């Protein structure tokens, strides 16, 4: 019989890394089996700091999945799987530009090098086109470039609180449509990008969410829009919707609300999708022979609830389900 070594930590060594968001957790061996109090302490750290980072040896796929399951059921996309995953681990989404080129063709590489024309378009919260987006995401670095490829996160609770009171009162009552990769970036992309994104999004998924969501665990209010997926505010004209969303995007991605993380092989970032947006890097795609391979699991979430009592509604597709 193999002995199970539990990693028990009475108090986590949590070190803040930015003024409003982000902390590194030190002295924790994620390859060992963690006891329930330690898992609860990690969850509290995520709720407090929005995103936490771990440094250490690569967990590997099996331990990554097992760690994710300690925080809830892992998500499964309804219908055809979008993206690629390691063989035998369908719970994991692999983020690898070179794999995308192999899957979608050489044009995708050109698309990735140009990426988004709008500097805000890459900001997003994971899978908000689903009526029940993931609660938590756990991203693991397998291969990283020697420089570049950092990821940024923004604190959407503090961003909401930073709005003027009359604007907070307005957005508390609004609802917006979210769809997969059809937000700001499609408005600013050319036809080559549009065609590739249509291929990438071969099963339309859309939902209407409150513009402000009430966090189900903390009761905090957070902005719940993002340039990467929010298409329009319900009941507004196209011009009104565009201008209000641009105002919110500019505000919520202000540097004061953000943190930037430098990846190393084996690094892990774990964040709360209900109180953050994040930005995928675009500064390494032009570099020759550069690999960046990441793996992500997401924890099943609920349908967002707004301050006005509105619960998110499905427009097309199916709800996310658990493995």
C-alpha atoms as a PDB file:
ATOM      1  CA  UNK A   1       0.000   0.000   0.000  1.00  0.00           C
ATOM      2  CA  UNK A   2       1.336   3.424  -0.945  1.00  0.00           C
ATOM      3  CA  UNK A   3       1.346   5.913   1.896  1.00  0.00           C
ATOM      4  CA  UNK A   4      -0.538   9.134   1.293  1.00  0.00           C
ATOM      5  CA  UNK A   5       1.414  12.141   2.478  1.00  0.00           C
ATOM      6  CA  UNK A   6      -0.860  15.020   3.385  1.00  0.00           C
ATOM      7  CA  UNK A   7       0.433  18.543   3.036  1.00  0.00           C
ATOM      8  CA  UNK A   8      -0.986  20.325   6.080  1.00  0.00           C
ATOM      9  CA  UNK A   9      -0.424  24.045   6.412  1.00  0.00           C
ATOM     10  CA  UNK A  10      -1.886  25.811   9.446  1.00  0.00           C
ATOM     11  CA  UNK A  11      -1.504  29.227   7.845  1.00  0.00           C
ATOM     12  CA  UNK A  12      -0.633  29.953   4.226  1.00  0.00           C
ATOM     13  CA  UNK A  13       2.336  32.143   3.374  1.00  0.00           C
ATOM     14  CA  UNK A  14       0.447  34.620   1.163  1.00  0.00           C
ATOM     15  CA  UNK A  15       2.396  37.591  -0.220  1.00  0.00           C
ATOM     16  CA  UNK A  16       0.605  40.359  -2.073  1.00  0.00           C
ATOM     17  CA  UNK A  17       2.175  41.335  -5.382  1.00  0.00           C
ATOM     18  CA  UNK A  18       0.123  44.397  -6.413  1.00  0.00           C
ATOM     19  CA  UNK A  19      -1.935  47.113  -4.760  1.00  0.00           C
ATOM     20  CA  UNK A  20      -5.442  45.858  -5.514  1.00  0.00           C
ATOM     21  CA  UNK A  21      -5.150  42.317  -6.862  1.00  0.00           C
ATOM     22  CA  UNK A  22      -2.870  39.306  -6.820  1.00  0.00           C
ATOM     23  CA  UNK A  23      -0.801  37.317  -4.338  1.00  0.00           C
ATOM     24  CA  UNK A  24       1.792  34.545  -4.431  1.00  0.00           C
ATOM     25  CA  UNK A  25       1.416  31.550  -2.129  1.00  0.00           C
ATOM     26  CA  UNK A  26       4.748  30.154  -0.944  1.00  0.00           C
ATOM     27  CA  UNK A  27       5.803  26.983   0.817  1.00  0.00           C
ATOM     28  CA  UNK A  28       3.015  24.760  -0.476  1.00  0.00           C
ATOM     29  CA  UNK A  29       3.688  21.500  -2.317  1.00  0.00           C
ATOM     30  CA  UNK A  30       0.804  21.063  -4.739  1.00  0.00           C
ATOM     31  CA  UNK A  31       2.086  17.636  -5.789  1.00  0.00           C
ATOM     32  CA  UNK A  32       1.173  16.306  -2.321  1.00  0.00           C
ATOM     33  CA  UNK A  33      -2.379  15.604  -1.191  1.00  0.00           C
ATOM     34  CA  UNK A  34      -3.636  18.729   0.562  1.00  0.00           C
ATOM     35  CA  UNK A  35      -5.932  18.482   3.569  1.00  0.00           C
ATOM     36  CA  UNK A  36      -9.327  20.175   3.678  1.00  0.00           C
ATOM     37  CA  UNK A  37      -8.257  23.157   5.863  1.00  0.00           C
ATOM     38  CA  UNK A  38      -5.477  23.972   3.386  1.00  0.00           C
ATOM     39  CA  UNK A  39      -7.874  23.805   0.431  1.00  0.00           C
ATOM     40  CA  UNK A  40     -10.256  26.091   2.339  1.00  0.00           C
ATOM     41  CA  UNK A  41      -7.395  28.514   3.005  1.00  0.00           C
ATOM     42  CA  UNK A  42      -6.499  28.591  -0.702  1.00  0.00           C
ATOM     43  CA  UNK A  43     -10.136  29.330  -1.564  1.00  0.00           C
ATOM     44  CA  UNK A  44     -10.168  32.198   0.957  1.00  0.00           C
ATOM     45  CA  UNK A  45      -6.981  33.579  -0.573  1.00  0.00           C
ATOM     46  CA  UNK A  46      -8.533  33.488  -4.054  1.00  0.00           C
ATOM     47  CA  UNK A  47     -11.672  35.248  -2.807  1.00  0.00           C
ATOM     48  CA  UNK A  48      -9.556  37.897  -1.081  1.00  0.00           C
ATOM     49  CA  UNK A  49      -6.883  38.517  -3.715  1.00  0.00           C
ATOM     50  CA  UNK A  50      -8.896  37.533  -6.854  1.00  0.00           C
ATOM     51  CA  UNK A  51      -5.909  35.685  -8.359  1.00  0.00           C
ATOM     52  CA  UNK A  52      -3.154  33.715  -6.628  1.00  0.00           C
ATOM     53  CA  UNK A  53       0.084  32.339  -8.031  1.00  0.00           C
ATOM     54  CA  UNK A  54       2.152  29.262  -7.208  1.00  0.00           C
ATOM     55  CA  UNK A  55       5.743  28.545  -8.252  1.00  0.00           C
ATOM     56  CA  UNK A  56       7.112  25.072  -8.407  1.00  0.00           C
ATOM     57  CA  UNK A  57       7.609  21.897 -10.365  1.00  0.00           C
ATOM     58  CA  UNK A  58       5.042  21.073 -13.028  1.00  0.00           C
ATOM     59  CA  UNK A  59       2.107  19.188 -11.537  1.00  0.00           C
ATOM     60  CA  UNK A  60       1.435  17.181 -14.654  1.00  0.00           C
ATOM     61  CA  UNK A  61      -2.026  16.558 -16.023  1.00  0.00           C
ATOM     62  CA  UNK A  62      -3.334  14.057 -13.486  1.00  0.00           C
ATOM     63  CA  UNK A  63      -2.405  16.120 -10.429  1.00  0.00           C
ATOM     64  CA  UNK A  64      -3.690  19.274 -12.129  1.00  0.00           C
ATOM     65  CA  UNK A  65      -7.126  17.701 -12.598  1.00  0.00           C
ATOM     66  CA  UNK A  66      -7.118  16.315  -9.056  1.00  0.00           C
ATOM     67  CA  UNK A  67      -6.212  19.719  -7.604  1.00  0.00           C
ATOM     68  CA  UNK A  68      -8.990  21.400  -9.580  1.00  0.00           C
ATOM     69  CA  UNK A  69     -11.574  18.896  -8.361  1.00  0.00           C
ATOM     70  CA  UNK A  70     -10.874  19.891  -4.757  1.00  0.00           C
ATOM     71  CA  UNK A  71     -12.631  23.181  -5.498  1.00  0.00           C
ATOM     72  CA  UNK A  72     -15.676  21.805  -7.287  1.00  0.00           C
ATOM     73  CA  UNK A  73     -16.827  19.975 -10.384  1.00  0.00           C
ATOM     74  CA  UNK A  74     -14.772  20.624 -13.519  1.00  0.00           C
ATOM     75  CA  UNK A  75     -16.503  22.012 -16.573  1.00  0.00           C
ATOM     76  CA  UNK A  76     -17.415  20.228 -19.764  1.00  0.00           C
ATOM     77  CA  UNK A  77     -18.541  22.193 -22.809  1.00  0.00           C
ATOM     78  CA  UNK A  78     -21.881  21.090 -24.193  1.00  0.00           C
ATOM     79  CA  UNK A  79     -21.740  19.666 -27.713  1.00  0.00           C
ATOM     80  CA  UNK A  80     -18.534  19.595 -29.746  1.00  0.00           C
ATOM     81  CA  UNK A  81     -15.380  20.334 -27.798  1.00  0.00           C
ATOM     82  CA  UNK A  82     -13.777  23.707 -28.559  1.00  0.00           C
ATOM     83  CA  UNK A  83      -9.995  23.719 -28.437  1.00  0.00           C
ATOM     84  CA  UNK A  84      -7.542  20.881 -27.837  1.00  0.00           C
ATOM     85  CA  UNK A  85      -6.798  18.805 -24.764  1.00  0.00           C
ATOM     86  CA  UNK A  86      -4.099  16.292 -23.767  1.00  0.00           C
ATOM     87  CA  UNK A  87      -4.926  12.706 -24.643  1.00  0.00           C
ATOM     88  CA  UNK A  88      -6.858  11.113 -21.799  1.00  0.00           C
ATOM     89  CA  UNK A  89      -7.593  14.408 -20.039  1.00  0.00           C
ATOM     90  CA  UNK A  90     -10.690  15.990 -21.587  1.00  0.00           C
ATOM     91  CA  UNK A  91     -11.098  18.217 -18.521  1.00  0.00           C
ATOM     92  CA  UNK A  92      -7.995  20.165 -19.586  1.00  0.00           C
ATOM     93  CA  UNK A  93      -7.924  22.844 -22.276  1.00  0.00           C
ATOM     94  CA  UNK A  94      -4.478  23.266 -23.819  1.00  0.00           C
ATOM     95  CA  UNK A  95      -3.570  26.805 -24.867  1.00  0.00           C
ATOM     96  CA  UNK A  96      -0.905  26.509 -27.541  1.00  0.00           C
ATOM     97  CA  UNK A  97      -0.680  28.859 -30.565  1.00  0.00           C
ATOM     98  CA  UNK A  98       1.339  26.312 -32.550  1.00  0.00           C
ATOM     99  CA  UNK A  99      -1.337  23.666 -31.989  1.00  0.00           C
ATOM    100  CA  UNK A 100      -3.936  26.155 -33.210  1.00  0.00           C
ATOM    101  CA  UNK A 101      -1.931  26.652 -36.399  1.00  0.00           C
ATOM    102  CA  UNK A 102      -1.892  22.882 -36.941  1.00  0.00           C
ATOM    103  CA  UNK A 103      -5.617  22.686 -36.274  1.00  0.00           C
ATOM    104  CA  UNK A 104      -6.839  25.706 -38.229  1.00  0.00           C
ATOM    105  CA  UNK A 105      -4.153  26.198 -40.858  1.00  0.00           C
ATOM    106  CA  UNK A 106      -1.352  28.655 -41.589  1.00  0.00           C
ATOM    107  CA  UNK A 107      -3.718  31.623 -41.740  1.00  0.00           C
ATOM    108  CA  UNK A 108      -4.273  31.260 -38.022  1.00  0.00           C
ATOM    109  CA  UNK A 109      -0.608  32.061 -37.377  1.00  0.00           C
ATOM    110  CA  UNK A 110      -0.957  35.337 -39.258  1.00  0.00           C
ATOM    111  CA  UNK A 111      -4.154  36.025 -37.359  1.00  0.00           C
ATOM    112  CA  UNK A 112      -2.398  35.319 -34.054  1.00  0.00           C
ATOM    113  CA  UNK A 113       0.500  37.603 -34.944  1.00  0.00           C
ATOM    114  CA  UNK A 114      -1.889  40.465 -35.699  1.00  0.00           C
ATOM    115  CA  UNK A 115      -4.190  39.399 -32.848  1.00  0.00           C
ATOM    116  CA  UNK A 116      -6.618  42.136 -31.875  1.00  0.00           C
ATOM    117  CA  UNK A 117      -6.455  45.570 -33.501  1.00  0.00           C
ATOM    118  CA  UNK A 118      -8.160  47.096 -30.453  1.00  0.00           C
ATOM    119  CA  UNK A 119      -5.790  47.124 -27.440  1.00  0.00           C
ATOM    120  CA  UNK A 120      -8.695  46.225 -25.151  1.00  0.00           C
ATOM    121  CA  UNK A 121     -10.118  43.338 -27.151  1.00  0.00           C
ATOM    122  CA  UNK A 122      -8.129  40.552 -25.507  1.00  0.00           C
ATOM    123  CA  UNK A 123      -9.549  41.263 -22.048  1.00  0.00           C
ATOM    124  CA  UNK A 124     -12.114  38.646 -21.039  1.00  0.00           C
ATOM    125  CA  UNK A 125     -13.516  36.461 -18.311  1.00  0.00           C
ATOM    126  CA  UNK A 126     -13.553  32.793 -19.247  1.00  0.00           C
ATOM    127  CA  UNK A 127     -16.534  31.481 -21.203  1.00  0.00           C
ATOM    128  CA  UNK A 128     -19.057  34.196 -20.366  1.00  0.00           C
ATOM    129  CA  UNK A 129     -20.996  33.275 -23.497  1.00  0.00           C
ATOM    130  CA  UNK A 130     -22.270  30.374 -21.390  1.00  0.00           C
ATOM    131  CA  UNK A 131     -25.289  30.970 -19.146  1.00  0.00           C
ATOM    132  CA  UNK A 132     -23.325  29.504 -16.210  1.00  0.00           C
ATOM    133  CA  UNK A 133     -19.689  30.565 -16.705  1.00  0.00           C
ATOM    134  CA  UNK A 134     -16.898  28.930 -14.687  1.00  0.00           C
ATOM    135  CA  UNK A 135     -16.409  30.082 -11.119  1.00  0.00           C
ATOM    136  CA  UNK A 136     -12.657  29.448 -10.991  1.00  0.00           C
ATOM    137  CA  UNK A 137      -9.867  28.874 -13.504  1.00  0.00           C
ATOM    138  CA  UNK A 138      -6.558  27.128 -12.816  1.00  0.00           C
ATOM    139  CA  UNK A 139      -3.918  27.708 -15.509  1.00  0.00           C
ATOM    140  CA  UNK A 140      -0.623  25.816 -15.527  1.00  0.00           C
ATOM    141  CA  UNK A 141       2.487  26.624 -17.548  1.00  0.00           C
ATOM    142  CA  UNK A 142       4.234  23.687 -19.217  1.00  0.00           C
ATOM    143  CA  UNK A 143       6.484  25.584 -21.641  1.00  0.00           C
ATOM    144  CA  UNK A 144       7.174  29.323 -21.516  1.00  0.00           C
ATOM    145  CA  UNK A 145       9.237  31.695 -23.672  1.00  0.00           C
ATOM    146  CA  UNK A 146      12.426  33.134 -22.151  1.00  0.00           C
ATOM    147  CA  UNK A 147      10.750  36.536 -22.181  1.00  0.00           C
ATOM    148  CA  UNK A 148       7.290  37.821 -23.021  1.00  0.00           C
ATOM    149  CA  UNK A 149       4.062  35.910 -22.645  1.00  0.00           C
ATOM    150  CA  UNK A 150       2.995  37.464 -19.338  1.00  0.00           C
ATOM    151  CA  UNK A 151      -0.702  37.487 -18.377  1.00  0.00           C
ATOM    152  CA  UNK A 152      -2.589  40.373 -16.766  1.00  0.00           C
ATOM    153  CA  UNK A 153      -5.661  40.343 -14.531  1.00  0.00           C
ATOM    154  CA  UNK A 154      -7.929  43.160 -13.392  1.00  0.00           C
ATOM    155  CA  UNK A 155     -10.038  43.423 -10.232  1.00  0.00           C
ATOM    156  CA  UNK A 156     -13.623  44.012 -11.382  1.00  0.00           C
ATOM    157  CA  UNK A 157     -14.928  44.475  -7.821  1.00  0.00           C
ATOM    158  CA  UNK A 158     -12.640  47.427  -7.158  1.00  0.00           C
ATOM    159  CA  UNK A 159     -13.330  48.708 -10.676  1.00  0.00           C
ATOM    160  CA  UNK A 160     -17.064  48.701  -9.937  1.00  0.00           C
ATOM    161  CA  UNK A 161     -16.508  50.483  -6.628  1.00  0.00           C
ATOM    162  CA  UNK A 162     -14.346  53.050  -8.428  1.00  0.00           C
ATOM    163  CA  UNK A 163     -17.238  54.216 -10.610  1.00  0.00           C
ATOM    164  CA  UNK A 164     -19.131  57.376  -9.680  1.00  0.00           C
ATOM    165  CA  UNK A 165     -22.254  56.636  -7.614  1.00  0.00           C
ATOM    166  CA  UNK A 166     -24.749  57.662 -10.348  1.00  0.00           C
ATOM    167  CA  UNK A 167     -22.989  55.385 -12.838  1.00  0.00           C
ATOM    168  CA  UNK A 168     -23.027  52.491 -10.373  1.00  0.00           C
ATOM    169  CA  UNK A 169     -26.762  53.029  -9.914  1.00  0.00           C
ATOM    170  CA  UNK A 170     -27.248  52.864 -13.694  1.00  0.00           C
ATOM    171  CA  UNK A 171     -25.171  49.760 -14.391  1.00  0.00           C
ATOM    172  CA  UNK A 172     -26.829  47.938 -11.477  1.00  0.00           C
ATOM    173  CA  UNK A 173     -29.988  47.799 -13.598  1.00  0.00           C
ATOM    174  CA  UNK A 174     -28.490  46.816 -16.975  1.00  0.00           C
ATOM    175  CA  UNK A 175     -28.150  43.494 -18.792  1.00  0.00           C
ATOM    176  CA  UNK A 176     -25.822  42.626 -21.673  1.00  0.00           C
ATOM    177  CA  UNK A 177     -25.446  39.908 -24.277  1.00  0.00           C
ATOM    178  CA  UNK A 178     -22.264  37.822 -24.354  1.00  0.00           C
ATOM    179  CA  UNK A 179     -21.203  35.660 -27.302  1.00  0.00           C
ATOM    180  CA  UNK A 180     -18.041  33.677 -28.051  1.00  0.00           C
ATOM    181  CA  UNK A 181     -15.373  35.907 -29.633  1.00  0.00           C
ATOM    182  CA  UNK A 182     -17.801  38.362 -31.190  1.00  0.00           C
ATOM    183  CA  UNK A 183     -17.135  41.454 -29.100  1.00  0.00           C
ATOM    184  CA  UNK A 184     -14.771  44.368 -29.765  1.00  0.00           C
ATOM    185  CA  UNK A 185     -12.234  42.302 -31.722  1.00  0.00           C
ATOM    186  CA  UNK A 186     -14.651  41.355 -34.493  1.00  0.00           C
ATOM    187  CA  UNK A 187     -15.663  44.979 -35.007  1.00  0.00           C
ATOM    188  CA  UNK A 188     -11.994  45.862 -35.512  1.00  0.00           C
ATOM    189  CA  UNK A 189     -10.822  42.761 -37.400  1.00  0.00           C
ATOM    190  CA  UNK A 190     -10.662  42.262 -41.133  1.00  0.00           C
ATOM    191  CA  UNK A 191     -12.395  39.538 -43.138  1.00  0.00           C
ATOM    192  CA  UNK A 192      -9.520  37.068 -42.741  1.00  0.00           C
ATOM    193  CA  UNK A 193      -9.891  37.262 -38.965  1.00  0.00           C
ATOM    194  CA  UNK A 194     -13.651  36.989 -39.198  1.00  0.00           C
ATOM    195  CA  UNK A 195     -13.468  33.815 -41.262  1.00  0.00           C
ATOM    196  CA  UNK A 196     -10.983  32.180 -38.903  1.00  0.00           C
ATOM    197  CA  UNK A 197     -13.060  33.136 -35.878  1.00  0.00           C
ATOM    198  CA  UNK A 198     -16.175  31.712 -37.508  1.00  0.00           C
ATOM    199  CA  UNK A 199     -14.282  28.440 -37.946  1.00  0.00           C
ATOM    200  CA  UNK A 200     -13.107  28.600 -34.351  1.00  0.00           C
ATOM    201  CA  UNK A 201     -16.651  29.253 -33.124  1.00  0.00           C
ATOM    202  CA  UNK A 202     -18.517  26.648 -35.125  1.00  0.00           C
ATOM    203  CA  UNK A 203     -21.222  26.256 -32.483  1.00  0.00           C
ATOM    204  CA  UNK A 204     -22.828  29.587 -31.555  1.00  0.00           C
ATOM    205  CA  UNK A 205     -23.190  30.156 -27.833  1.00  0.00           C
ATOM    206  CA  UNK A 206     -24.709  33.250 -26.247  1.00  0.00           C
ATOM    207  CA  UNK A 207     -26.260  34.379 -22.972  1.00  0.00           C
ATOM    208  CA  UNK A 208     -27.623  37.554 -21.399  1.00  0.00           C
ATOM    209  CA  UNK A 209     -25.948  38.451 -18.096  1.00  0.00           C
ATOM    210  CA  UNK A 210     -26.325  41.318 -15.626  1.00  0.00           C
ATOM    211  CA  UNK A 211     -23.760  44.067 -16.283  1.00  0.00           C
ATOM    212  CA  UNK A 212     -23.028  43.892 -12.549  1.00  0.00           C
ATOM    213  CA  UNK A 213     -23.065  40.512 -10.828  1.00  0.00           C
ATOM    214  CA  UNK A 214     -23.386  39.826  -7.119  1.00  0.00           C
ATOM    215  CA  UNK A 215     -20.657  37.435  -6.003  1.00  0.00           C
ATOM    216  CA  UNK A 216     -22.373  34.295  -4.670  1.00  0.00           C
ATOM    217  CA  UNK A 217     -19.769  33.718  -1.931  1.00  0.00           C
ATOM    218  CA  UNK A 218     -18.828  37.231  -0.794  1.00  0.00           C
ATOM    219  CA  UNK A 219     -21.867  39.340  -1.703  1.00  0.00           C
ATOM    220  CA  UNK A 220     -19.603  41.870  -3.451  1.00  0.00           C
ATOM    221  CA  UNK A 221     -20.681  43.592  -6.653  1.00  0.00           C
ATOM    222  CA  UNK A 222     -18.421  43.258  -9.694  1.00  0.00           C
ATOM    223  CA  UNK A 223     -18.559  44.541 -13.247  1.00  0.00           C
ATOM    224  CA  UNK A 224     -19.410  41.611 -15.495  1.00  0.00           C
ATOM    225  CA  UNK A 225     -18.678  42.807 -19.016  1.00  0.00           C
ATOM    226  CA  UNK A 226     -15.586  42.260 -21.137  1.00  0.00           C
ATOM    227  CA  UNK A 227     -14.352  43.381 -24.565  1.00  0.00           C
ATOM    228  CA  UNK A 228     -13.718  39.785 -25.568  1.00  0.00           C
ATOM    229  CA  UNK A 229     -17.310  38.612 -25.320  1.00  0.00           C
ATOM    230  CA  UNK A 230     -19.851  41.348 -24.525  1.00  0.00           C
ATOM    231  CA  UNK A 231     -21.688  42.308 -27.709  1.00  0.00           C
ATOM    232  CA  UNK A 232     -24.322  44.836 -26.597  1.00  0.00           C
ATOM    233  CA  UNK A 233     -26.346  46.230 -23.723  1.00  0.00           C
ATOM    234  CA  UNK A 234     -29.957  45.138 -23.936  1.00  0.00           C
ATOM    235  CA  UNK A 235     -32.389  47.973 -24.665  1.00  0.00           C
ATOM    236  CA  UNK A 236     -29.712  50.425 -25.835  1.00  0.00           C
ATOM    237  CA  UNK A 237     -29.072  51.592 -29.369  1.00  0.00           C
ATOM    238  CA  UNK A 238     -25.864  50.343 -30.994  1.00  0.00           C
ATOM    239  CA  UNK A 239     -24.201  53.736 -30.469  1.00  0.00           C
ATOM    240  CA  UNK A 240     -25.335  54.047 -26.843  1.00  0.00           C
ATOM    241  CA  UNK A 241     -24.231  50.505 -26.092  1.00  0.00           C
ATOM    242  CA  UNK A 242     -20.828  50.934 -27.727  1.00  0.00           C
ATOM    243  CA  UNK A 243     -20.018  54.162 -25.897  1.00  0.00           C
ATOM    244  CA  UNK A 244     -21.097  52.943 -22.465  1.00  0.00           C
ATOM    245  CA  UNK A 245     -19.239  49.660 -22.867  1.00  0.00           C
ATOM    246  CA  UNK A 246     -16.087  51.465 -24.030  1.00  0.00           C
ATOM    247  CA  UNK A 247     -16.291  53.680 -20.935  1.00  0.00           C
ATOM    248  CA  UNK A 248     -16.555  50.633 -18.681  1.00  0.00           C
ATOM    249  CA  UNK A 249     -13.753  48.808 -20.524  1.00  0.00           C
ATOM    250  CA  UNK A 250     -11.377  51.762 -20.284  1.00  0.00           C
ATOM    251  CA  UNK A 251     -12.148  52.136 -16.593  1.00  0.00           C
ATOM    252  CA  UNK A 252     -11.901  48.495 -15.563  1.00  0.00           C
ATOM    253  CA  UNK A 253      -8.600  47.898 -17.391  1.00  0.00           C
ATOM    254  CA  UNK A 254      -6.926  50.941 -15.837  1.00  0.00           C
ATOM    255  CA  UNK A 255      -3.485  50.006 -14.500  1.00  0.00           C
ATOM    256  CA  UNK A 256      -4.473  50.698 -10.889  1.00  0.00           C
ATOM    257  CA  UNK A 257      -6.776  47.652 -10.872  1.00  0.00           C
ATOM    258  CA  UNK A 258      -4.370  45.216 -12.539  1.00  0.00           C
ATOM    259  CA  UNK A 259      -1.546  42.779 -11.878  1.00  0.00           C
ATOM    260  CA  UNK A 260       0.914  41.232 -14.351  1.00  0.00           C
ATOM    261  CA  UNK A 261       2.415  37.773 -13.876  1.00  0.00           C
ATOM    262  CA  UNK A 262       5.688  36.483 -15.284  1.00  0.00           C
ATOM    263  CA  UNK A 263       5.330  32.798 -16.100  1.00  0.00           C
ATOM    264  CA  UNK A 264       7.920  30.084 -15.535  1.00  0.00           C
ATOM    265  CA  UNK A 265       7.566  26.369 -16.346  1.00  0.00           C
ATOM    266  CA  UNK A 266       5.448  24.827 -13.603  1.00  0.00           C
ATOM    267  CA  UNK A 267       3.851  28.115 -12.530  1.00  0.00           C
ATOM    268  CA  UNK A 268       0.145  28.056 -11.710  1.00  0.00           C
ATOM    269  CA  UNK A 269      -2.345  30.919 -11.645  1.00  0.00           C
ATOM    270  CA  UNK A 270      -5.715  30.375  -9.998  1.00  0.00           C
ATOM    271  CA  UNK A 271      -8.337  33.074 -10.311  1.00  0.00           C
ATOM    272  CA  UNK A 272     -11.947  33.933  -9.592  1.00  0.00           C
ATOM    273  CA  UNK A 273     -13.801  34.494 -12.870  1.00  0.00           C
ATOM    274  CA  UNK A 274     -16.606  36.196 -10.964  1.00  0.00           C
ATOM    275  CA  UNK A 275     -14.421  39.107  -9.875  1.00  0.00           C
ATOM    276  CA  UNK A 276     -11.735  39.401 -12.570  1.00  0.00           C
ATOM    277  CA  UNK A 277     -10.999  39.739 -16.245  1.00  0.00           C
ATOM    278  CA  UNK A 278      -7.670  38.746 -17.735  1.00  0.00           C
ATOM    279  CA  UNK A 279      -5.647  39.548 -20.824  1.00  0.00           C
ATOM    280  CA  UNK A 280      -3.879  37.018 -23.006  1.00  0.00           C
ATOM    281  CA  UNK A 281      -0.386  38.079 -24.127  1.00  0.00           C
ATOM    282  CA  UNK A 282       0.424  39.173 -27.657  1.00  0.00           C
ATOM    283  CA  UNK A 283       4.075  40.167 -27.289  1.00  0.00           C
ATOM    284  CA  UNK A 284       5.798  36.919 -28.267  1.00  0.00           C
ATOM    285  CA  UNK A 285       3.991  35.673 -31.394  1.00  0.00           C
ATOM    286  CA  UNK A 286       6.462  37.457 -33.687  1.00  0.00           C
ATOM    287  CA  UNK A 287       9.473  35.751 -32.104  1.00  0.00           C
ATOM    288  CA  UNK A 288      10.930  32.772 -34.018  1.00  0.00           C
ATOM    289  CA  UNK A 289      10.923  29.302 -32.458  1.00  0.00           C
ATOM    290  CA  UNK A 290       9.013  30.450 -29.396  1.00  0.00           C
ATOM    291  CA  UNK A 291       6.846  27.985 -27.504  1.00  0.00           C
ATOM    292  CA  UNK A 292       4.189  28.809 -24.927  1.00  0.00           C
ATOM    293  CA  UNK A 293       2.096  25.818 -23.910  1.00  0.00           C
ATOM    294  CA  UNK A 294      -0.409  26.209 -21.087  1.00  0.00           C
ATOM    295  CA  UNK A 295      -3.084  23.944 -19.631  1.00  0.00           C
ATOM    296  CA  UNK A 296      -6.293  25.072 -17.929  1.00  0.00           C
ATOM    297  CA  UNK A 297      -9.084  23.506 -15.929  1.00  0.00           C
ATOM    298  CA  UNK A 298     -12.190  25.442 -14.946  1.00  0.00           C
ATOM    299  CA  UNK A 299     -14.538  24.868 -12.020  1.00  0.00           C
ATOM    300  CA  UNK A 300     -18.260  24.826 -12.749  1.00  0.00           C
ATOM    301  CA  UNK A 301     -20.085  28.010 -11.765  1.00  0.00           C
ATOM    302  CA  UNK A 302     -23.662  29.189 -11.387  1.00  0.00           C
ATOM    303  CA  UNK A 303     -25.783  31.584 -13.425  1.00  0.00           C
ATOM    304  CA  UNK A 304     -24.881  35.176 -12.448  1.00  0.00           C
ATOM    305  CA  UNK A 305     -27.344  37.199 -10.382  1.00  0.00           C
ATOM    306  CA  UNK A 306     -27.636  40.978 -10.695  1.00  0.00           C
ATOM    307  CA  UNK A 307     -28.380  43.557  -7.983  1.00  0.00           C
ATOM    308  CA  UNK A 308     -31.851  43.973  -9.503  1.00  0.00           C
ATOM    309  CA  UNK A 309     -32.623  40.276  -9.083  1.00  0.00           C
ATOM    310  CA  UNK A 310     -32.094  39.407 -12.759  1.00  0.00           C
ATOM    311  CA  UNK A 311     -30.660  35.929 -13.287  1.00  0.00           C
ATOM    312  CA  UNK A 312     -28.672  35.219 -16.481  1.00  0.00           C
ATOM    313  CA  UNK A 313     -30.648  33.792 -19.395  1.00  0.00           C
ATOM    314  CA  UNK A 314     -29.604  31.390 -22.142  1.00  0.00           C
ATOM    315  CA  UNK A 315     -29.810  32.770 -25.699  1.00  0.00           C
ATOM    316  CA  UNK A 316     -28.293  29.889 -27.682  1.00  0.00           C
ATOM    317  CA  UNK A 317     -26.316  26.751 -27.006  1.00  0.00           C
ATOM    318  CA  UNK A 318     -26.556  24.738 -23.800  1.00  0.00           C
ATOM    319  CA  UNK A 319     -25.450  25.290 -20.195  1.00  0.00           C
ATOM    320  CA  UNK A 320     -22.005  24.119 -19.147  1.00  0.00           C
ATOM    321  CA  UNK A 321     -21.963  20.713 -17.516  1.00  0.00           C
ATOM    322  CA  UNK A 322     -19.567  18.828 -15.265  1.00  0.00           C
ATOM    323  CA  UNK A 323     -17.335  15.857 -16.002  1.00  0.00           C
END
